Amino acid sequence: MLNWRMWLKLGRISNLPTVWTNGLAGWLLSGNAFDGKGLLLLMVALSLFYVGGMYLNDAFDAEIDARERANRPIPQGEVSQGTVFALGSGMLALGSLLMFTLGLFAGLAGLALAATIVAYDWLHKRIAWGPIIMGACRLLTYVTAALAAGGLSWMVLIGGLGLFCHVVGLTYAAKQEAYDRIGNAWPLLVMAVPVLVLGFMLADNLAIMLLALYMVWGGWALSLLFRRGPGDVPKAVISLIAGIALYDAVLIAATGMLGLALLSIAGFGATLALQRVAPGT
C-alpha cells in the first residue's frame, strides 16, 4: 500500500489535469455563474471518475496485459485484480454520490458518465468501436460539468462534439500502441473536426493564438504516427492526451475568461510534466 508510484501508474494520474480543464471548460461554456465551491466538488467527482475508471481499465484488461503489457501493476503482481476492481468501483460510486450534491440532473449525468466509463473498460478490447465510447466519456464530462453549473448551452454541445472527435482520434491511435505502429490512417481524419469547431467559436486574438498552438502541437503529434520509429506511437498518444488541455484552453478563451484559459495552458504543461512521473497510457 506504500508503493505510491505504483498507485499513480495504475491510475494514469498524469492525465488528471486534462480532466480538470474539461470540467472548467464545461462549466464556463454553460454560461452559468461561477461557483467556487461547486466547481471544487465537481473537480473532486471528475477526478474520482477518471482514476476509478483507469483502475477498472487495468482490472478488466489484466489477462490481456499479462500477454501484451506485462509491466502493468497487476501482471507484475504488485496488486491483486480484486483489489483494483474494488477500489475502482468504490471511486465511481463516490463520484456519483458527489454529483448528486450538485443537483439531480448533475447526478444523473454523473451516473451516465460512470456507466459509460464501465462500458469502455469492459468492451474496448473486444470491439472495434471502443474509441467512440471513450469519446463519449469526455463528451459527458462537458455535459456533467455544465449541468453541475446549472444547465446546458449550445456552446457546451458544439464544444463537446470537438472534444469527442479529438478523443476518438487519439484513442484509435492508442489501440495500436502495444504494437508500436498505426494501421489504417483514415480514422484519424476525425481530428480535423476539433479544428473546425474551434475556428467557429473564436472570439479574440488570444483564442486565435491558442488555436494555432493547438494545431501545431496536434500536427506534430500526428506526424509521429507516420514516422513509424520505435516509440513514436506511444509518444504521439501521450502528446495528443496533453493536447486535450489546449483544446479546452481555446474554448475557455472564447468565453472571455482569458486568465482561466492560461490556467488551462498550465494544465497542458502539468500533464506533460507528470507523464515523466507516471506513464499517461
C-alpha atoms as a PDB file:
ATOM      1  CA  MET A   1       0.000   0.000   0.000  1.00  0.00           C
ATOM      2  CA  LEU A   2       3.036   2.287   0.419  1.00  0.00           C
ATOM      3  CA  ASN A   3       4.163   1.896  -3.208  1.00  0.00           C
ATOM      4  CA  TRP A   4       2.789   5.289  -4.207  1.00  0.00           C
ATOM      5  CA  ARG A   5       4.389   5.237  -7.656  1.00  0.00           C
ATOM      6  CA  MET A   6       2.532   2.021  -8.479  1.00  0.00           C
ATOM      7  CA  TRP A   7      -0.809   3.598  -7.498  1.00  0.00           C
ATOM      8  CA  LEU A   8      -0.060   6.661  -9.622  1.00  0.00           C
ATOM      9  CA  LYS A   9       0.846   4.432 -12.565  1.00  0.00           C
ATOM     10  CA  LEU A  10      -2.296   2.359 -12.112  1.00  0.00           C
ATOM     11  CA  GLY A  11      -4.490   5.464 -12.178  1.00  0.00           C
ATOM     12  CA  ARG A  12      -2.546   7.114 -15.029  1.00  0.00           C
ATOM     13  CA  ILE A  13      -2.566  10.110 -12.741  1.00  0.00           C
ATOM     14  CA  SER A  14      -0.543  12.233 -15.155  1.00  0.00           C
ATOM     15  CA  ASN A  15      -3.623  12.826 -17.297  1.00  0.00           C
ATOM     16  CA  LEU A  16      -5.741  14.264 -14.464  1.00  0.00           C
ATOM     17  CA  PRO A  17      -5.040  17.918 -15.408  1.00  0.00           C
ATOM     18  CA  THR A  18      -6.873  17.313 -18.709  1.00  0.00           C
ATOM     19  CA  VAL A  19      -9.909  16.126 -16.744  1.00  0.00           C
ATOM     20  CA  TRP A  20      -9.810  19.295 -14.660  1.00  0.00           C
ATOM     21  CA  THR A  21      -9.567  21.508 -17.737  1.00  0.00           C
ATOM     22  CA  ASN A  22     -12.524  19.580 -19.216  1.00  0.00           C
ATOM     23  CA  GLY A  23     -14.540  20.330 -16.096  1.00  0.00           C
ATOM     24  CA  LEU A  24     -13.579  24.005 -16.149  1.00  0.00           C
ATOM     25  CA  ALA A  25     -14.400  24.352 -19.851  1.00  0.00           C
ATOM     26  CA  GLY A  26     -17.737  22.577 -19.497  1.00  0.00           C
ATOM     27  CA  TRP A  27     -18.716  24.822 -16.577  1.00  0.00           C
ATOM     28  CA  LEU A  28     -17.744  28.061 -18.343  1.00  0.00           C
ATOM     29  CA  LEU A  29     -19.309  27.088 -21.686  1.00  0.00           C
ATOM     30  CA  SER A  30     -22.640  26.605 -19.920  1.00  0.00           C
ATOM     31  CA  GLY A  31     -22.813  30.362 -19.396  1.00  0.00           C
ATOM     32  CA  ASN A  32     -23.877  29.941 -15.777  1.00  0.00           C
ATOM     33  CA  ALA A  33     -22.478  31.802 -12.780  1.00  0.00           C
ATOM     34  CA  PHE A  34     -19.070  30.859 -11.418  1.00  0.00           C
ATOM     35  CA  ASP A  35     -19.316  28.992  -8.090  1.00  0.00           C
ATOM     36  CA  GLY A  36     -16.002  28.119  -6.474  1.00  0.00           C
ATOM     37  CA  LYS A  37     -17.412  25.566  -4.029  1.00  0.00           C
ATOM     38  CA  GLY A  38     -19.484  23.842  -6.690  1.00  0.00           C
ATOM     39  CA  LEU A  39     -16.554  23.782  -9.095  1.00  0.00           C
ATOM     40  CA  LEU A  40     -14.321  22.227  -6.430  1.00  0.00           C
ATOM     41  CA  LEU A  41     -16.866  19.468  -5.759  1.00  0.00           C
ATOM     42  CA  LEU A  42     -17.129  18.874  -9.491  1.00  0.00           C
ATOM     43  CA  MET A  43     -13.343  18.536  -9.829  1.00  0.00           C
ATOM     44  CA  VAL A  44     -13.206  16.018  -6.981  1.00  0.00           C
ATOM     45  CA  ALA A  45     -16.017  13.980  -8.543  1.00  0.00           C
ATOM     46  CA  LEU A  46     -14.441  14.051 -12.019  1.00  0.00           C
ATOM     47  CA  SER A  47     -11.107  13.003 -10.511  1.00  0.00           C
ATOM     48  CA  LEU A  48     -12.786  10.021  -8.862  1.00  0.00           C
ATOM     49  CA  PHE A  49     -14.467   9.095 -12.149  1.00  0.00           C
ATOM     50  CA  TYR A  50     -11.180   9.269 -14.018  1.00  0.00           C
ATOM     51  CA  VAL A  51      -8.934   7.444 -11.559  1.00  0.00           C
ATOM     52  CA  GLY A  52     -11.638   4.887 -10.777  1.00  0.00           C
ATOM     53  CA  GLY A  53     -12.105   4.286 -14.490  1.00  0.00           C
ATOM     54  CA  MET A  54      -8.383   3.802 -15.002  1.00  0.00           C
ATOM     55  CA  TYR A  55      -8.261   1.286 -12.148  1.00  0.00           C
ATOM     56  CA  LEU A  56     -11.146  -0.655 -13.670  1.00  0.00           C
ATOM     57  CA  ASN A  57      -9.440  -0.488 -17.051  1.00  0.00           C
ATOM     58  CA  ASP A  58      -6.464  -2.403 -15.675  1.00  0.00           C
ATOM     59  CA  ALA A  59      -8.702  -4.791 -13.747  1.00  0.00           C
ATOM     60  CA  PHE A  60     -10.727  -5.714 -16.836  1.00  0.00           C
ATOM     61  CA  ASP A  61      -7.579  -5.938 -19.004  1.00  0.00           C
ATOM     62  CA  ALA A  62      -5.475  -7.993 -16.575  1.00  0.00           C
ATOM     63  CA  GLU A  63      -5.324 -11.130 -18.733  1.00  0.00           C
ATOM     64  CA  ILE A  64      -4.603  -9.212 -21.941  1.00  0.00           C
ATOM     65  CA  ASP A  65      -1.997  -7.052 -20.214  1.00  0.00           C
ATOM     66  CA  ALA A  66      -0.267 -10.217 -18.989  1.00  0.00           C
ATOM     67  CA  ARG A  67       0.414 -11.008 -22.669  1.00  0.00           C
ATOM     68  CA  GLU A  68       0.885  -7.537 -24.168  1.00  0.00           C
ATOM     69  CA  ARG A  69       1.861  -5.168 -21.339  1.00  0.00           C
ATOM     70  CA  ALA A  70       3.473  -7.282 -18.650  1.00  0.00           C
ATOM     71  CA  ASN A  71       4.911  -4.168 -16.980  1.00  0.00           C
ATOM     72  CA  ARG A  72       1.479  -3.084 -15.706  1.00  0.00           C
ATOM     73  CA  PRO A  73       0.964  -3.401 -11.908  1.00  0.00           C
ATOM     74  CA  ILE A  74      -1.465  -6.364 -11.916  1.00  0.00           C
ATOM     75  CA  PRO A  75       0.623  -8.658 -14.200  1.00  0.00           C
ATOM     76  CA  GLN A  76       3.689  -7.636 -12.191  1.00  0.00           C
ATOM     77  CA  GLY A  77       1.992  -8.945  -9.035  1.00  0.00           C
ATOM     78  CA  GLU A  78       2.184  -5.558  -7.302  1.00  0.00           C
ATOM     79  CA  VAL A  79      -1.558  -5.556  -6.554  1.00  0.00           C
ATOM     80  CA  SER A  80      -4.391  -8.062  -6.981  1.00  0.00           C
ATOM     81  CA  GLN A  81      -7.062  -7.795  -9.647  1.00  0.00           C
ATOM     82  CA  GLY A  82      -9.780  -7.984  -6.964  1.00  0.00           C
ATOM     83  CA  THR A  83      -8.319  -5.075  -5.012  1.00  0.00           C
ATOM     84  CA  VAL A  84      -8.181  -2.920  -8.120  1.00  0.00           C
ATOM     85  CA  PHE A  85     -11.779  -3.833  -9.005  1.00  0.00           C
ATOM     86  CA  ALA A  86     -12.962  -2.865  -5.524  1.00  0.00           C
ATOM     87  CA  LEU A  87     -11.099   0.443  -5.435  1.00  0.00           C
ATOM     88  CA  GLY A  88     -12.166   1.443  -8.940  1.00  0.00           C
ATOM     89  CA  SER A  89     -15.813   0.617  -8.289  1.00  0.00           C
ATOM     90  CA  GLY A  90     -15.731   2.484  -4.992  1.00  0.00           C
ATOM     91  CA  MET A  91     -14.347   5.623  -6.626  1.00  0.00           C
ATOM     92  CA  LEU A  92     -17.037   5.602  -9.323  1.00  0.00           C
ATOM     93  CA  ALA A  93     -19.736   5.178  -6.676  1.00  0.00           C
ATOM     94  CA  LEU A  94     -18.361   8.030  -4.543  1.00  0.00           C
ATOM     95  CA  GLY A  95     -18.026  10.288  -7.569  1.00  0.00           C
ATOM     96  CA  SER A  96     -21.656   9.622  -8.482  1.00  0.00           C
ATOM     97  CA  LEU A  97     -22.819  10.484  -4.968  1.00  0.00           C
ATOM     98  CA  LEU A  98     -20.875  13.748  -5.031  1.00  0.00           C
ATOM     99  CA  MET A  99     -22.505  14.733  -8.318  1.00  0.00           C
ATOM    100  CA  PHE A 100     -25.973  14.433  -6.744  1.00  0.00           C
ATOM    101  CA  THR A 101     -24.933  17.112  -4.212  1.00  0.00           C
ATOM    102  CA  LEU A 102     -24.732  19.452  -7.220  1.00  0.00           C
ATOM    103  CA  GLY A 103     -28.277  18.745  -8.361  1.00  0.00           C
ATOM    104  CA  LEU A 104     -30.495  15.976  -9.676  1.00  0.00           C
ATOM    105  CA  PHE A 105     -29.583  16.440 -13.333  1.00  0.00           C
ATOM    106  CA  ALA A 106     -25.888  16.686 -12.482  1.00  0.00           C
ATOM    107  CA  GLY A 107     -26.200  13.445 -10.527  1.00  0.00           C
ATOM    108  CA  LEU A 108     -27.966  11.672 -13.388  1.00  0.00           C
ATOM    109  CA  ALA A 109     -25.284  12.890 -15.795  1.00  0.00           C
ATOM    110  CA  GLY A 110     -22.676  11.565 -13.375  1.00  0.00           C
ATOM    111  CA  LEU A 111     -24.360   8.155 -13.397  1.00  0.00           C
ATOM    112  CA  ALA A 112     -24.380   8.200 -17.204  1.00  0.00           C
ATOM    113  CA  LEU A 113     -20.675   9.080 -17.201  1.00  0.00           C
ATOM    114  CA  ALA A 114     -19.881   6.278 -14.736  1.00  0.00           C
ATOM    115  CA  ALA A 115     -21.844   3.767 -16.818  1.00  0.00           C
ATOM    116  CA  THR A 116     -20.051   4.842 -19.998  1.00  0.00           C
ATOM    117  CA  ILE A 117     -16.676   4.501 -18.283  1.00  0.00           C
ATOM    118  CA  VAL A 118     -17.516   0.946 -17.188  1.00  0.00           C
ATOM    119  CA  ALA A 119     -18.767   0.117 -20.695  1.00  0.00           C
ATOM    120  CA  TYR A 120     -15.478   1.282 -22.182  1.00  0.00           C
ATOM    121  CA  ASP A 121     -13.354  -0.613 -19.661  1.00  0.00           C
ATOM    122  CA  TRP A 122     -15.341  -3.804 -20.215  1.00  0.00           C
ATOM    123  CA  LEU A 123     -15.693  -3.688 -24.002  1.00  0.00           C
ATOM    124  CA  HIS A 124     -12.835  -1.729 -25.527  1.00  0.00           C
ATOM    125  CA  LYS A 125     -10.581  -4.752 -26.114  1.00  0.00           C
ATOM    126  CA  ARG A 126     -13.461  -6.742 -27.597  1.00  0.00           C
ATOM    127  CA  ILE A 127     -14.904  -4.285 -30.127  1.00  0.00           C
ATOM    128  CA  ALA A 128     -13.582  -2.101 -32.930  1.00  0.00           C
ATOM    129  CA  TRP A 129     -15.594   0.981 -31.939  1.00  0.00           C
ATOM    130  CA  GLY A 130     -14.149   1.371 -28.441  1.00  0.00           C
ATOM    131  CA  PRO A 131     -12.760   4.833 -29.338  1.00  0.00           C
ATOM    132  CA  ILE A 132     -16.334   6.070 -29.790  1.00  0.00           C
ATOM    133  CA  ILE A 133     -17.177   5.052 -26.220  1.00  0.00           C
ATOM    134  CA  MET A 134     -14.072   6.786 -24.915  1.00  0.00           C
ATOM    135  CA  GLY A 135     -15.001   9.917 -26.851  1.00  0.00           C
ATOM    136  CA  ALA A 136     -18.438   9.737 -25.242  1.00  0.00           C
ATOM    137  CA  CYS A 137     -16.781   9.661 -21.806  1.00  0.00           C
ATOM    138  CA  ARG A 138     -15.076  13.002 -22.436  1.00  0.00           C
ATOM    139  CA  LEU A 139     -18.186  14.479 -24.050  1.00  0.00           C
ATOM    140  CA  LEU A 140     -20.176  13.503 -20.953  1.00  0.00           C
ATOM    141  CA  THR A 141     -17.530  15.220 -18.828  1.00  0.00           C
ATOM    142  CA  TYR A 142     -18.501  18.511 -20.503  1.00  0.00           C
ATOM    143  CA  VAL A 143     -22.208  17.754 -20.120  1.00  0.00           C
ATOM    144  CA  THR A 144     -21.824  16.758 -16.462  1.00  0.00           C
ATOM    145  CA  ALA A 145     -19.852  19.927 -15.696  1.00  0.00           C
ATOM    146  CA  ALA A 146     -22.426  22.130 -17.441  1.00  0.00           C
ATOM    147  CA  LEU A 147     -25.327  20.527 -15.575  1.00  0.00           C
ATOM    148  CA  ALA A 148     -23.430  20.956 -12.306  1.00  0.00           C
ATOM    149  CA  ALA A 149     -23.140  24.644 -13.185  1.00  0.00           C
ATOM    150  CA  GLY A 150     -26.870  24.911 -13.823  1.00  0.00           C
ATOM    151  CA  GLY A 151     -27.681  23.865 -17.387  1.00  0.00           C
ATOM    152  CA  LEU A 152     -26.557  23.060 -20.916  1.00  0.00           C
ATOM    153  CA  SER A 153     -25.929  25.515 -23.738  1.00  0.00           C
ATOM    154  CA  TRP A 154     -25.264  25.186 -27.443  1.00  0.00           C
ATOM    155  CA  MET A 155     -21.597  26.031 -26.778  1.00  0.00           C
ATOM    156  CA  VAL A 156     -21.301  23.010 -24.474  1.00  0.00           C
ATOM    157  CA  LEU A 157     -22.728  20.693 -27.125  1.00  0.00           C
ATOM    158  CA  ILE A 158     -20.668  22.062 -30.023  1.00  0.00           C
ATOM    159  CA  GLY A 159     -17.514  22.201 -27.905  1.00  0.00           C
ATOM    160  CA  GLY A 160     -18.255  18.690 -26.671  1.00  0.00           C
ATOM    161  CA  LEU A 161     -18.512  17.465 -30.263  1.00  0.00           C
ATOM    162  CA  GLY A 162     -14.988  18.696 -30.985  1.00  0.00           C
ATOM    163  CA  LEU A 163     -13.659  17.124 -27.789  1.00  0.00           C
ATOM    164  CA  PHE A 164     -15.408  13.862 -28.689  1.00  0.00           C
ATOM    165  CA  CYS A 165     -13.658  13.775 -32.067  1.00  0.00           C
ATOM    166  CA  HIS A 166     -10.243  14.631 -30.608  1.00  0.00           C
ATOM    167  CA  VAL A 167     -10.523  11.769 -28.128  1.00  0.00           C
ATOM    168  CA  VAL A 168     -11.866   9.314 -30.715  1.00  0.00           C
ATOM    169  CA  GLY A 169      -8.801  10.012 -32.861  1.00  0.00           C
ATOM    170  CA  LEU A 170      -6.236   9.669 -30.093  1.00  0.00           C
ATOM    171  CA  THR A 171      -7.933   6.538 -28.709  1.00  0.00           C
ATOM    172  CA  TYR A 172      -7.808   4.936 -32.142  1.00  0.00           C
ATOM    173  CA  ALA A 173      -4.065   5.598 -32.175  1.00  0.00           C
ATOM    174  CA  ALA A 174      -3.738   4.274 -28.605  1.00  0.00           C
ATOM    175  CA  LYS A 175      -5.319   0.953 -29.630  1.00  0.00           C
ATOM    176  CA  GLN A 176      -2.249   0.396 -31.821  1.00  0.00           C
ATOM    177  CA  GLU A 177       0.209   1.343 -29.080  1.00  0.00           C
ATOM    178  CA  ALA A 178       1.002  -2.198 -27.946  1.00  0.00           C
ATOM    179  CA  TYR A 179       2.245  -2.927 -31.482  1.00  0.00           C
ATOM    180  CA  ASP A 180       4.037   0.445 -31.847  1.00  0.00           C
ATOM    181  CA  ARG A 181       2.565   1.004 -35.294  1.00  0.00           C
ATOM    182  CA  ILE A 182      -0.521   2.602 -36.796  1.00  0.00           C
ATOM    183  CA  GLY A 183      -2.881   0.701 -39.089  1.00  0.00           C
ATOM    184  CA  ASN A 184      -5.318   2.476 -41.399  1.00  0.00           C
ATOM    185  CA  ALA A 185      -4.783   6.232 -41.265  1.00  0.00           C
ATOM    186  CA  TRP A 186      -8.222   7.371 -42.442  1.00  0.00           C
ATOM    187  CA  PRO A 187      -9.915   7.240 -38.979  1.00  0.00           C
ATOM    188  CA  LEU A 188      -7.512   9.990 -37.927  1.00  0.00           C
ATOM    189  CA  LEU A 189      -9.386  12.386 -40.217  1.00  0.00           C
ATOM    190  CA  VAL A 190     -11.784  12.840 -37.312  1.00  0.00           C
ATOM    191  CA  MET A 191      -9.071  15.014 -35.741  1.00  0.00           C
ATOM    192  CA  ALA A 192      -9.983  17.759 -38.224  1.00  0.00           C
ATOM    193  CA  VAL A 193     -13.365  18.277 -36.541  1.00  0.00           C
ATOM    194  CA  PRO A 194     -11.972  19.922 -33.370  1.00  0.00           C
ATOM    195  CA  VAL A 195     -10.135  22.473 -35.529  1.00  0.00           C
ATOM    196  CA  LEU A 196     -13.369  23.335 -37.343  1.00  0.00           C
ATOM    197  CA  VAL A 197     -15.250  23.630 -34.035  1.00  0.00           C
ATOM    198  CA  LEU A 198     -12.615  25.893 -32.517  1.00  0.00           C
ATOM    199  CA  GLY A 199     -12.478  28.031 -35.649  1.00  0.00           C
ATOM    200  CA  PHE A 200     -16.242  28.506 -35.449  1.00  0.00           C
ATOM    201  CA  MET A 201     -16.079  29.626 -31.810  1.00  0.00           C
ATOM    202  CA  LEU A 202     -13.100  32.012 -31.952  1.00  0.00           C
ATOM    203  CA  ALA A 203     -13.684  35.312 -30.201  1.00  0.00           C
ATOM    204  CA  ASP A 204     -10.406  37.197 -29.778  1.00  0.00           C
ATOM    205  CA  ASN A 205      -6.688  37.282 -30.507  1.00  0.00           C
ATOM    206  CA  LEU A 206      -5.744  35.046 -27.581  1.00  0.00           C
ATOM    207  CA  ALA A 207      -8.156  32.369 -28.774  1.00  0.00           C
ATOM    208  CA  ILE A 208      -6.623  32.589 -32.268  1.00  0.00           C
ATOM    209  CA  MET A 209      -3.123  32.219 -30.831  1.00  0.00           C
ATOM    210  CA  LEU A 210      -4.191  29.231 -28.732  1.00  0.00           C
ATOM    211  CA  LEU A 211      -5.862  27.635 -31.743  1.00  0.00           C
ATOM    212  CA  ALA A 212      -2.589  27.989 -33.657  1.00  0.00           C
ATOM    213  CA  LEU A 213      -0.762  26.324 -30.756  1.00  0.00           C
ATOM    214  CA  TYR A 214      -3.320  23.502 -30.668  1.00  0.00           C
ATOM    215  CA  MET A 215      -2.945  22.932 -34.411  1.00  0.00           C
ATOM    216  CA  VAL A 216       0.866  22.966 -34.342  1.00  0.00           C
ATOM    217  CA  TRP A 217       1.007  20.608 -31.361  1.00  0.00           C
ATOM    218  CA  GLY A 218      -1.599  18.264 -32.815  1.00  0.00           C
ATOM    219  CA  GLY A 219       0.056  18.275 -36.231  1.00  0.00           C
ATOM    220  CA  TRP A 220       3.420  17.406 -34.699  1.00  0.00           C
ATOM    221  CA  ALA A 221       1.889  14.588 -32.622  1.00  0.00           C
ATOM    222  CA  LEU A 222       0.079  13.142 -35.638  1.00  0.00           C
ATOM    223  CA  SER A 223       3.281  13.279 -37.693  1.00  0.00           C
ATOM    224  CA  LEU A 224       4.867  10.888 -35.183  1.00  0.00           C
ATOM    225  CA  LEU A 225       2.305   8.247 -36.110  1.00  0.00           C
ATOM    226  CA  PHE A 226       3.673   8.129 -39.637  1.00  0.00           C
ATOM    227  CA  ARG A 227       7.398   8.111 -38.847  1.00  0.00           C
ATOM    228  CA  ARG A 228       6.988   4.556 -37.536  1.00  0.00           C
ATOM    229  CA  GLY A 229      10.163   4.755 -35.478  1.00  0.00           C
ATOM    230  CA  PRO A 230      10.422   2.886 -32.154  1.00  0.00           C
ATOM    231  CA  GLY A 231       8.348   4.655 -29.528  1.00  0.00           C
ATOM    232  CA  ASP A 232       6.698   7.086 -31.943  1.00  0.00           C
ATOM    233  CA  VAL A 233       3.132   5.789 -31.463  1.00  0.00           C
ATOM    234  CA  PRO A 234       3.208   5.955 -27.630  1.00  0.00           C
ATOM    235  CA  LYS A 235       4.778   9.431 -27.783  1.00  0.00           C
ATOM    236  CA  ALA A 236       2.080  10.596 -30.196  1.00  0.00           C
ATOM    237  CA  VAL A 237      -0.660   9.248 -27.935  1.00  0.00           C
ATOM    238  CA  ILE A 238       0.531  10.940 -24.745  1.00  0.00           C
ATOM    239  CA  SER A 239       1.094  14.177 -26.682  1.00  0.00           C
ATOM    240  CA  LEU A 240      -2.480  14.097 -28.014  1.00  0.00           C
ATOM    241  CA  ILE A 241      -3.758  13.435 -24.495  1.00  0.00           C
ATOM    242  CA  ALA A 242      -1.954  16.544 -23.245  1.00  0.00           C
ATOM    243  CA  GLY A 243      -3.435  18.400 -26.221  1.00  0.00           C
ATOM    244  CA  ILE A 244      -6.894  17.999 -24.675  1.00  0.00           C
ATOM    245  CA  ALA A 245      -5.983  20.816 -22.292  1.00  0.00           C
ATOM    246  CA  LEU A 246      -5.025  23.016 -25.253  1.00  0.00           C
ATOM    247  CA  TYR A 247      -8.405  22.344 -26.826  1.00  0.00           C
ATOM    248  CA  ASP A 248     -10.084  23.364 -23.567  1.00  0.00           C
ATOM    249  CA  ALA A 249      -7.950  26.497 -23.392  1.00  0.00           C
ATOM    250  CA  VAL A 250      -9.195  27.734 -26.770  1.00  0.00           C
ATOM    251  CA  LEU A 251     -12.825  27.232 -25.757  1.00  0.00           C
ATOM    252  CA  ILE A 252     -12.293  28.919 -22.397  1.00  0.00           C
ATOM    253  CA  ALA A 253     -10.688  31.880 -24.155  1.00  0.00           C
ATOM    254  CA  ALA A 254     -13.756  32.013 -26.421  1.00  0.00           C
ATOM    255  CA  THR A 255     -15.905  32.640 -23.312  1.00  0.00           C
ATOM    256  CA  GLY A 256     -13.794  35.699 -22.489  1.00  0.00           C
ATOM    257  CA  MET A 257     -12.196  34.136 -19.389  1.00  0.00           C
ATOM    258  CA  LEU A 258      -8.632  34.772 -20.533  1.00  0.00           C
ATOM    259  CA  GLY A 259      -6.993  34.169 -17.161  1.00  0.00           C
ATOM    260  CA  LEU A 260      -8.653  30.779 -16.854  1.00  0.00           C
ATOM    261  CA  ALA A 261      -7.589  29.979 -20.416  1.00  0.00           C
ATOM    262  CA  LEU A 262      -3.998  30.471 -19.294  1.00  0.00           C
ATOM    263  CA  LEU A 263      -4.736  28.173 -16.345  1.00  0.00           C
ATOM    264  CA  SER A 264      -5.760  25.530 -18.848  1.00  0.00           C
ATOM    265  CA  ILE A 265      -2.421  26.038 -20.629  1.00  0.00           C
ATOM    266  CA  ALA A 266      -0.803  25.345 -17.260  1.00  0.00           C
ATOM    267  CA  GLY A 267      -2.813  22.107 -17.204  1.00  0.00           C
ATOM    268  CA  PHE A 268      -1.230  21.192 -20.541  1.00  0.00           C
ATOM    269  CA  GLY A 269       2.231  21.771 -19.106  1.00  0.00           C
ATOM    270  CA  ALA A 270       1.380  19.879 -15.916  1.00  0.00           C
ATOM    271  CA  THR A 271       0.218  16.872 -17.939  1.00  0.00           C
ATOM    272  CA  LEU A 272       3.493  16.751 -19.860  1.00  0.00           C
ATOM    273  CA  ALA A 273       5.483  17.084 -16.639  1.00  0.00           C
ATOM    274  CA  LEU A 274       3.514  14.410 -14.783  1.00  0.00           C
ATOM    275  CA  GLN A 275       3.856  11.991 -17.683  1.00  0.00           C
ATOM    276  CA  ARG A 276       7.516  11.788 -16.687  1.00  0.00           C
ATOM    277  CA  VAL A 277       6.441  10.528 -13.259  1.00  0.00           C
ATOM    278  CA  ALA A 278       3.547   8.228 -14.204  1.00  0.00           C
ATOM    279  CA  PRO A 279       3.005   6.938 -17.768  1.00  0.00           C
ATOM    280  CA  GLY A 280      -0.023   8.515 -19.450  1.00  0.00           C
ATOM    281  CA  THR A 281      -1.138   5.273 -21.118  1.00  0.00           C
END
